[in-house]
Amino acid sequence: MYLEQGPAAHGWVEDQVWTASRVATLIGLKLHVSYSVSGATRLMHRLGFSPQVPARRVAERDEQAVTVWNEATWAEV
């Protein structure tokens, strides 16, 4: 399935998320069928896909520092 290959496999390299607009574009490119963004959204919903927001975390995140901050600084606030 095209969606399983990920957005980068189809030219969207700036981030790794599927949007309704990208899905509509992909349908047009691969299947030669025109879908609106809202139509792609409804189609994806019927196929069992749900809208999700990816968790974005910095690559250099220091989990220990976050834990210490939460326990010490956040407690003061």
PDB file of N, CA and C in Angstrom:
ATOM      1  N   MET A   1       0.845  -1.180   0.000  1.00  0.00           N
ATOM      2  CA  MET A   1       0.000   0.000   0.000  1.00  0.00           C
ATOM      3  C   MET A   1       0.890   1.242   0.000  1.00  0.00           C
ATOM      4  N   TYR A   2       0.498   2.225  -0.719  1.00  0.00           N
ATOM      5  CA  TYR A   2       1.294   3.447  -0.853  1.00  0.00           C
ATOM      6  C   TYR A   2       1.498   4.172   0.473  1.00  0.00           C
ATOM      7  N   LEU A   3       0.479   4.207   1.313  1.00  0.00           N
ATOM      8  CA  LEU A   3       0.602   4.932   2.573  1.00  0.00           C
ATOM      9  C   LEU A   3       1.613   4.286   3.509  1.00  0.00           C
ATOM     10  N   GLU A   4       1.735   2.975   3.452  1.00  0.00           N
ATOM     11  CA  GLU A   4       2.687   2.273   4.306  1.00  0.00           C
ATOM     12  C   GLU A   4       4.134   2.614   3.955  1.00  0.00           C
ATOM     13  N   GLN A   5       4.376   3.052   2.736  1.00  0.00           N
ATOM     14  CA  GLN A   5       5.731   3.421   2.314  1.00  0.00           C
ATOM     15  C   GLN A   5       6.186   4.728   2.946  1.00  0.00           C
ATOM     16  N   GLY A   6       5.237   5.514   3.427  1.00  0.00           N
ATOM     17  CA  GLY A   6       5.555   6.777   4.068  1.00  0.00           C
ATOM     18  C   GLY A   6       5.618   7.928   3.084  1.00  0.00           C
ATOM     19  N   PRO A   7       5.474   9.149   3.581  1.00  0.00           N
ATOM     20  CA  PRO A   7       5.466  10.327   2.722  1.00  0.00           C
ATOM     21  C   PRO A   7       6.780  10.554   1.972  1.00  0.00           C
ATOM     22  N   ALA A   8       7.915  10.232   2.598  1.00  0.00           N
ATOM     23  CA  ALA A   8       9.209  10.470   1.958  1.00  0.00           C
ATOM     24  C   ALA A   8       9.357   9.657   0.673  1.00  0.00           C
ATOM     25  N   ALA A   9       8.774   8.474   0.637  1.00  0.00           N
ATOM     26  CA  ALA A   9       8.855   7.627  -0.552  1.00  0.00           C
ATOM     27  C   ALA A   9       8.139   8.255  -1.746  1.00  0.00           C
ATOM     28  N   HIS A  10       7.286   9.232  -1.462  1.00  0.00           N
ATOM     29  CA  HIS A  10       6.517   9.876  -2.523  1.00  0.00           C
ATOM     30  C   HIS A  10       6.880  11.346  -2.699  1.00  0.00           C
ATOM     31  N   GLY A  11       7.999  11.756  -2.101  1.00  0.00           N
ATOM     32  CA  GLY A  11       8.494  13.097  -2.340  1.00  0.00           C
ATOM     33  C   GLY A  11       8.309  14.111  -1.237  1.00  0.00           C
ATOM     34  N   TRP A  12       7.590  13.768  -0.171  1.00  0.00           N
ATOM     35  CA  TRP A  12       7.417  14.705   0.948  1.00  0.00           C
ATOM     36  C   TRP A  12       8.457  14.380   2.019  1.00  0.00           C
ATOM     37  N   VAL A  13       9.593  15.019   1.929  1.00  0.00           N
ATOM     38  CA  VAL A  13      10.706  14.690   2.825  1.00  0.00           C
ATOM     39  C   VAL A  13      10.814  15.636   4.012  1.00  0.00           C
ATOM     40  N   GLU A  14      10.080  16.749   4.001  1.00  0.00           N
ATOM     41  CA  GLU A  14      10.230  17.723   5.080  1.00  0.00           C
ATOM     42  C   GLU A  14       9.708  17.210   6.417  1.00  0.00           C
ATOM     43  N   ASP A  15       8.703  16.364   6.442  1.00  0.00           N
ATOM     44  CA  ASP A  15       8.247  15.718   7.670  1.00  0.00           C
ATOM     45  C   ASP A  15       7.584  14.398   7.307  1.00  0.00           C
ATOM     46  N   GLN A  16       7.385  13.557   8.270  1.00  0.00           N
ATOM     47  CA  GLN A  16       6.871  12.216   8.024  1.00  0.00           C
ATOM     48  C   GLN A  16       5.429  12.057   8.483  1.00  0.00           C
ATOM     49  N   VAL A  17       4.570  12.929   8.002  1.00  0.00           N
ATOM     50  CA  VAL A  17       3.155  12.819   8.345  1.00  0.00           C
ATOM     51  C   VAL A  17       2.315  12.827   7.074  1.00  0.00           C
ATOM     52  N   TRP A  18       1.260  12.047   7.100  1.00  0.00           N
ATOM     53  CA  TRP A  18       0.294  12.076   6.021  1.00  0.00           C
ATOM     54  C   TRP A  18      -0.784  13.086   6.372  1.00  0.00           C
ATOM     55  N   THR A  19      -1.065  13.982   5.465  1.00  0.00           N
ATOM     56  CA  THR A  19      -2.176  14.913   5.630  1.00  0.00           C
ATOM     57  C   THR A  19      -3.239  14.550   4.602  1.00  0.00           C
ATOM     58  N   ALA A  20      -4.446  15.033   4.814  1.00  0.00           N
ATOM     59  CA  ALA A  20      -5.521  14.758   3.865  1.00  0.00           C
ATOM     60  C   ALA A  20      -5.162  15.314   2.490  1.00  0.00           C
ATOM     61  N   SER A  21      -4.510  16.454   2.459  1.00  0.00           N
ATOM     62  CA  SER A  21      -4.096  17.049   1.192  1.00  0.00           C
ATOM     63  C   SER A  21      -3.089  16.155   0.472  1.00  0.00           C
ATOM     64  N   ARG A  22      -2.138  15.625   1.223  1.00  0.00           N
ATOM     65  CA  ARG A  22      -1.143  14.733   0.618  1.00  0.00           C
ATOM     66  C   ARG A  22      -1.784  13.441   0.126  1.00  0.00           C
ATOM     67  N   VAL A  23      -2.727  12.911   0.894  1.00  0.00           N
ATOM     68  CA  VAL A  23      -3.408  11.688   0.483  1.00  0.00           C
ATOM     69  C   VAL A  23      -4.202  11.939  -0.796  1.00  0.00           C
ATOM     70  N   ALA A  24      -4.893  13.071  -0.880  1.00  0.00           N
ATOM     71  CA  ALA A  24      -5.654  13.403  -2.091  1.00  0.00           C
ATOM     72  C   ALA A  24      -4.721  13.530  -3.289  1.00  0.00           C
ATOM     73  N   THR A  25      -3.576  14.157  -3.086  1.00  0.00           N
ATOM     74  CA  THR A  25      -2.593  14.292  -4.168  1.00  0.00           C
ATOM     75  C   THR A  25      -2.064  12.932  -4.589  1.00  0.00           C
ATOM     76  N   LEU A  26      -1.747  12.085  -3.615  1.00  0.00           N
ATOM     77  CA  LEU A  26      -1.225  10.752  -3.912  1.00  0.00           C
ATOM     78  C   LEU A  26      -2.239   9.915  -4.678  1.00  0.00           C
ATOM     79  N   ILE A  27      -3.505   9.997  -4.283  1.00  0.00           N
ATOM     80  CA  ILE A  27      -4.558   9.275  -5.004  1.00  0.00           C
ATOM     81  C   ILE A  27      -4.588   9.717  -6.458  1.00  0.00           C
ATOM     82  N   GLY A  28      -4.501  11.026  -6.673  1.00  0.00           N
ATOM     83  CA  GLY A  28      -4.506  11.533  -8.045  1.00  0.00           C
ATOM     84  C   GLY A  28      -3.305  11.067  -8.850  1.00  0.00           C
ATOM     85  N   LEU A  29      -2.127  11.090  -8.224  1.00  0.00           N
ATOM     86  CA  LEU A  29      -0.904  10.694  -8.931  1.00  0.00           C
ATOM     87  C   LEU A  29      -0.859   9.199  -9.247  1.00  0.00           C
ATOM     88  N   LYS A  30      -1.254   8.385  -8.289  1.00  0.00           N
ATOM     89  CA  LYS A  30      -1.121   6.939  -8.460  1.00  0.00           C
ATOM     90  C   LYS A  30      -2.322   6.276  -9.109  1.00  0.00           C
ATOM     91  N   LEU A  31      -3.512   6.767  -8.821  1.00  0.00           N
ATOM     92  CA  LEU A  31      -4.723   6.109  -9.302  1.00  0.00           C
ATOM     93  C   LEU A  31      -5.445   6.894 -10.390  1.00  0.00           C
ATOM     94  N   HIS A  32      -4.957   8.095 -10.657  1.00  0.00           N
ATOM     95  CA  HIS A  32      -5.553   8.956 -11.696  1.00  0.00           C
ATOM     96  C   HIS A  32      -7.038   9.213 -11.439  1.00  0.00           C
ATOM     97  N   VAL A  33      -7.345   9.437 -10.152  1.00  0.00           N
ATOM     98  CA  VAL A  33      -8.696   9.760  -9.722  1.00  0.00           C
ATOM     99  C   VAL A  33      -8.608  11.043  -8.920  1.00  0.00           C
ATOM    100  N   SER A  34      -9.520  11.975  -9.188  1.00  0.00           N
ATOM    101  CA  SER A  34      -9.495  13.248  -8.493  1.00  0.00           C
ATOM    102  C   SER A  34     -10.320  13.180  -7.209  1.00  0.00           C
ATOM    103  N   TYR A  35      -9.688  13.506  -6.090  1.00  0.00           N
ATOM    104  CA  TYR A  35     -10.364  13.574  -4.801  1.00  0.00           C
ATOM    105  C   TYR A  35     -10.120  14.940  -4.201  1.00  0.00           C
ATOM    106  N   SER A  36     -11.150  15.494  -3.570  1.00  0.00           N
ATOM    107  CA  SER A  36     -10.965  16.729  -2.811  1.00  0.00           C
ATOM    108  C   SER A  36     -10.333  16.354  -1.471  1.00  0.00           C
ATOM    109  N   VAL A  37      -9.855  17.349  -0.750  1.00  0.00           N
ATOM    110  CA  VAL A  37      -9.274  17.089   0.563  1.00  0.00           C
ATOM    111  C   VAL A  37     -10.334  16.500   1.498  1.00  0.00           C
ATOM    112  N   SER A  38     -11.536  17.066   1.474  1.00  0.00           N
ATOM    113  CA  SER A  38     -12.599  16.531   2.335  1.00  0.00           C
ATOM    114  C   SER A  38     -13.007  15.123   1.894  1.00  0.00           C
ATOM    115  N   GLY A  39     -12.986  14.870   0.595  1.00  0.00           N
ATOM    116  CA  GLY A  39     -13.290  13.530   0.093  1.00  0.00           C
ATOM    117  C   GLY A  39     -12.244  12.513   0.524  1.00  0.00           C
ATOM    118  N   ALA A  40     -10.977  12.923   0.499  1.00  0.00           N
ATOM    119  CA  ALA A  40      -9.900  12.039   0.957  1.00  0.00           C
ATOM    120  C   ALA A  40     -10.040  11.766   2.447  1.00  0.00           C
ATOM    121  N   THR A  41     -10.442  12.786   3.209  1.00  0.00           N
ATOM    122  CA  THR A  41     -10.644  12.616   4.646  1.00  0.00           C
ATOM    123  C   THR A  41     -11.737  11.590   4.911  1.00  0.00           C
ATOM    124  N   ARG A  42     -12.863  11.720   4.215  1.00  0.00           N
ATOM    125  CA  ARG A  42     -13.971  10.773   4.396  1.00  0.00           C
ATOM    126  C   ARG A  42     -13.574   9.368   3.961  1.00  0.00           C
ATOM    127  N   LEU A  43     -12.843   9.256   2.856  1.00  0.00           N
ATOM    128  CA  LEU A  43     -12.385   7.960   2.380  1.00  0.00           C
ATOM    129  C   LEU A  43     -11.472   7.295   3.408  1.00  0.00           C
ATOM    130  N   MET A  44     -10.524   8.047   3.930  1.00  0.00           N
ATOM    131  CA  MET A  44      -9.600   7.494   4.921  1.00  0.00           C
ATOM    132  C   MET A  44     -10.359   7.045   6.170  1.00  0.00           C
ATOM    133  N   HIS A  45     -11.342   7.831   6.584  1.00  0.00           N
ATOM    134  CA  HIS A  45     -12.140   7.466   7.753  1.00  0.00           C
ATOM    135  C   HIS A  45     -12.886   6.148   7.499  1.00  0.00           C
ATOM    136  N   ARG A  46     -13.480   6.004   6.307  1.00  0.00           N
ATOM    137  CA  ARG A  46     -14.195   4.763   5.965  1.00  0.00           C
ATOM    138  C   ARG A  46     -13.259   3.569   5.933  1.00  0.00           C
ATOM    139  N   LEU A  47     -11.993   3.793   5.605  1.00  0.00           N
ATOM    140  CA  LEU A  47     -11.012   2.709   5.552  1.00  0.00           C
ATOM    141  C   LEU A  47     -10.414   2.396   6.929  1.00  0.00           C
ATOM    142  N   GLY A  48     -10.837   3.135   7.947  1.00  0.00           N
ATOM    143  CA  GLY A  48     -10.391   2.842   9.298  1.00  0.00           C
ATOM    144  C   GLY A  48      -9.240   3.688   9.801  1.00  0.00           C
ATOM    145  N   PHE A  49      -8.821   4.662   9.025  1.00  0.00           N
ATOM    146  CA  PHE A  49      -7.757   5.561   9.467  1.00  0.00           C
ATOM    147  C   PHE A  49      -8.362   6.662  10.330  1.00  0.00           C
ATOM    148  N   SER A  50      -7.611   7.098  11.329  1.00  0.00           N
ATOM    149  CA  SER A  50      -8.091   8.165  12.183  1.00  0.00           C
ATOM    150  C   SER A  50      -7.072   9.292  12.197  1.00  0.00           C
ATOM    151  N   PRO A  51      -7.539  10.522  12.368  1.00  0.00           N
ATOM    152  CA  PRO A  51      -6.591  11.638  12.425  1.00  0.00           C
ATOM    153  C   PRO A  51      -5.759  11.550  13.695  1.00  0.00           C
ATOM    154  N   GLN A  52      -4.483  11.753  13.535  1.00  0.00           N
ATOM    155  CA  GLN A  52      -3.571  11.703  14.671  1.00  0.00           C
ATOM    156  C   GLN A  52      -2.562  12.820  14.550  1.00  0.00           C
ATOM    157  N   VAL A  53      -2.118  13.299  15.673  1.00  0.00           N
ATOM    158  CA  VAL A  53      -1.080  14.317  15.710  1.00  0.00           C
ATOM    159  C   VAL A  53       0.189  13.631  16.196  1.00  0.00           C
ATOM    160  N   PRO A  54       1.247  13.674  15.403  1.00  0.00           N
ATOM    161  CA  PRO A  54       2.466  12.985  15.821  1.00  0.00           C
ATOM    162  C   PRO A  54       3.108  13.661  17.025  1.00  0.00           C
ATOM    163  N   ALA A  55       3.724  12.858  17.874  1.00  0.00           N
ATOM    164  CA  ALA A  55       4.480  13.404  19.005  1.00  0.00           C
ATOM    165  C   ALA A  55       5.815  13.902  18.463  1.00  0.00           C
ATOM    166  N   ARG A  56       6.067  15.170  18.630  1.00  0.00           N
ATOM    167  CA  ARG A  56       7.327  15.741  18.145  1.00  0.00           C
ATOM    168  C   ARG A  56       8.236  15.988  19.330  1.00  0.00           C
ATOM    169  N   ARG A  57       9.402  15.415  19.276  1.00  0.00           N
ATOM    170  CA  ARG A  57      10.377  15.584  20.339  1.00  0.00           C
ATOM    171  C   ARG A  57      11.720  15.918  19.688  1.00  0.00           C
ATOM    172  N   VAL A  58      12.470  16.740  20.382  1.00  0.00           N
ATOM    173  CA  VAL A  58      13.789  17.080  19.865  1.00  0.00           C
ATOM    174  C   VAL A  58      14.701  15.881  19.995  1.00  0.00           C
ATOM    175  N   ALA A  59      15.620  15.727  19.067  1.00  0.00           N
ATOM    176  CA  ALA A  59      16.530  14.590  19.067  1.00  0.00           C
ATOM    177  C   ALA A  59      17.459  14.616  20.278  1.00  0.00           C
ATOM    178  N   GLU A  60      17.771  15.815  20.768  1.00  0.00           N
ATOM    179  CA  GLU A  60      18.720  15.944  21.871  1.00  0.00           C
ATOM    180  C   GLU A  60      18.033  15.969  23.230  1.00  0.00           C
ATOM    181  N   ARG A  61      16.806  15.586  23.329  1.00  0.00           N
ATOM    182  CA  ARG A  61      16.045  15.658  24.582  1.00  0.00           C
ATOM    183  C   ARG A  61      16.736  14.830  25.668  1.00  0.00           C
ATOM    184  N   ASP A  62      16.922  15.436  26.804  1.00  0.00           N
ATOM    185  CA  ASP A  62      17.555  14.795  27.951  1.00  0.00           C
ATOM    186  C   ASP A  62      16.455  14.430  28.945  1.00  0.00           C
ATOM    187  N   GLU A  63      16.033  13.163  28.937  1.00  0.00           N
ATOM    188  CA  GLU A  63      14.913  12.718  29.768  1.00  0.00           C
ATOM    189  C   GLU A  63      15.195  12.914  31.257  1.00  0.00           C
ATOM    190  N   GLN A  64      16.438  12.713  31.670  1.00  0.00           N
ATOM    191  CA  GLN A  64      16.764  12.889  33.086  1.00  0.00           C
ATOM    192  C   GLN A  64      16.603  14.356  33.502  1.00  0.00           C
ATOM    193  N   ALA A  65      17.049  15.272  32.652  1.00  0.00           N
ATOM    194  CA  ALA A  65      16.910  16.695  32.962  1.00  0.00           C
ATOM    195  C   ALA A  65      15.437  17.097  33.013  1.00  0.00           C
ATOM    196  N   VAL A  66      14.626  16.533  32.156  1.00  0.00           N
ATOM    197  CA  VAL A  66      13.191  16.817  32.149  1.00  0.00           C
ATOM    198  C   VAL A  66      12.554  16.319  33.449  1.00  0.00           C
ATOM    199  N   THR A  67      12.920  15.127  33.868  1.00  0.00           N
ATOM    200  CA  THR A  67      12.390  14.565  35.110  1.00  0.00           C
ATOM    201  C   THR A  67      12.771  15.421  36.311  1.00  0.00           C
ATOM    202  N   VAL A  68      14.034  15.827  36.377  1.00  0.00           N
ATOM    203  CA  VAL A  68      14.500  16.676  37.478  1.00  0.00           C
ATOM    204  C   VAL A  68      13.741  17.996  37.469  1.00  0.00           C
ATOM    205  N   TRP A  69      13.569  18.591  36.306  1.00  0.00           N
ATOM    206  CA  TRP A  69      12.853  19.864  36.202  1.00  0.00           C
ATOM    207  C   TRP A  69      11.410  19.702  36.676  1.00  0.00           C
ATOM    208  N   ASN A  70      10.759  18.615  36.225  1.00  0.00           N
ATOM    209  CA  ASN A  70       9.370  18.382  36.632  1.00  0.00           C
ATOM    210  C   ASN A  70       9.237  18.221  38.135  1.00  0.00           C
ATOM    211  N   GLU A  71      10.173  17.517  38.749  1.00  0.00           N
ATOM    212  CA  GLU A  71      10.088  17.258  40.183  1.00  0.00           C
ATOM    213  C   GLU A  71      10.473  18.469  41.022  1.00  0.00           C
ATOM    214  N   ALA A  72      11.445  19.251  40.571  1.00  0.00           N
ATOM    215  CA  ALA A  72      11.937  20.367  41.378  1.00  0.00           C
ATOM    216  C   ALA A  72      11.278  21.695  40.991  1.00  0.00           C
ATOM    217  N   THR A  73      11.508  22.133  39.778  1.00  0.00           N
ATOM    218  CA  THR A  73      11.037  23.444  39.342  1.00  0.00           C
ATOM    219  C   THR A  73       9.525  23.501  39.231  1.00  0.00           C
ATOM    220  N   TRP A  74       8.926  22.518  38.603  1.00  0.00           N
ATOM    221  CA  TRP A  74       7.469  22.536  38.410  1.00  0.00           C
ATOM    222  C   TRP A  74       6.747  22.492  39.747  1.00  0.00           C
ATOM    223  N   ALA A  75       7.310  21.750  40.717  1.00  0.00           N
ATOM    224  CA  ALA A  75       6.702  21.696  42.054  1.00  0.00           C
ATOM    225  C   ALA A  75       6.645  23.071  42.699  1.00  0.00           C
ATOM    226  N   GLU A  76       7.654  23.905  42.442  1.00  0.00           N
ATOM    227  CA  GLU A  76       7.683  25.262  43.004  1.00  0.00           C
ATOM    228  C   GLU A  76       6.634  26.158  42.358  1.00  0.00           C
ATOM    229  N   VAL A  77       6.410  25.943  41.086  1.00  0.00           N
ATOM    230  CA  VAL A  77       5.467  26.777  40.351  1.00  0.00           C
ATOM    231  C   VAL A  77       4.075  26.460  40.835  1.00  0.00           C
TER     232      VAL A  77
END
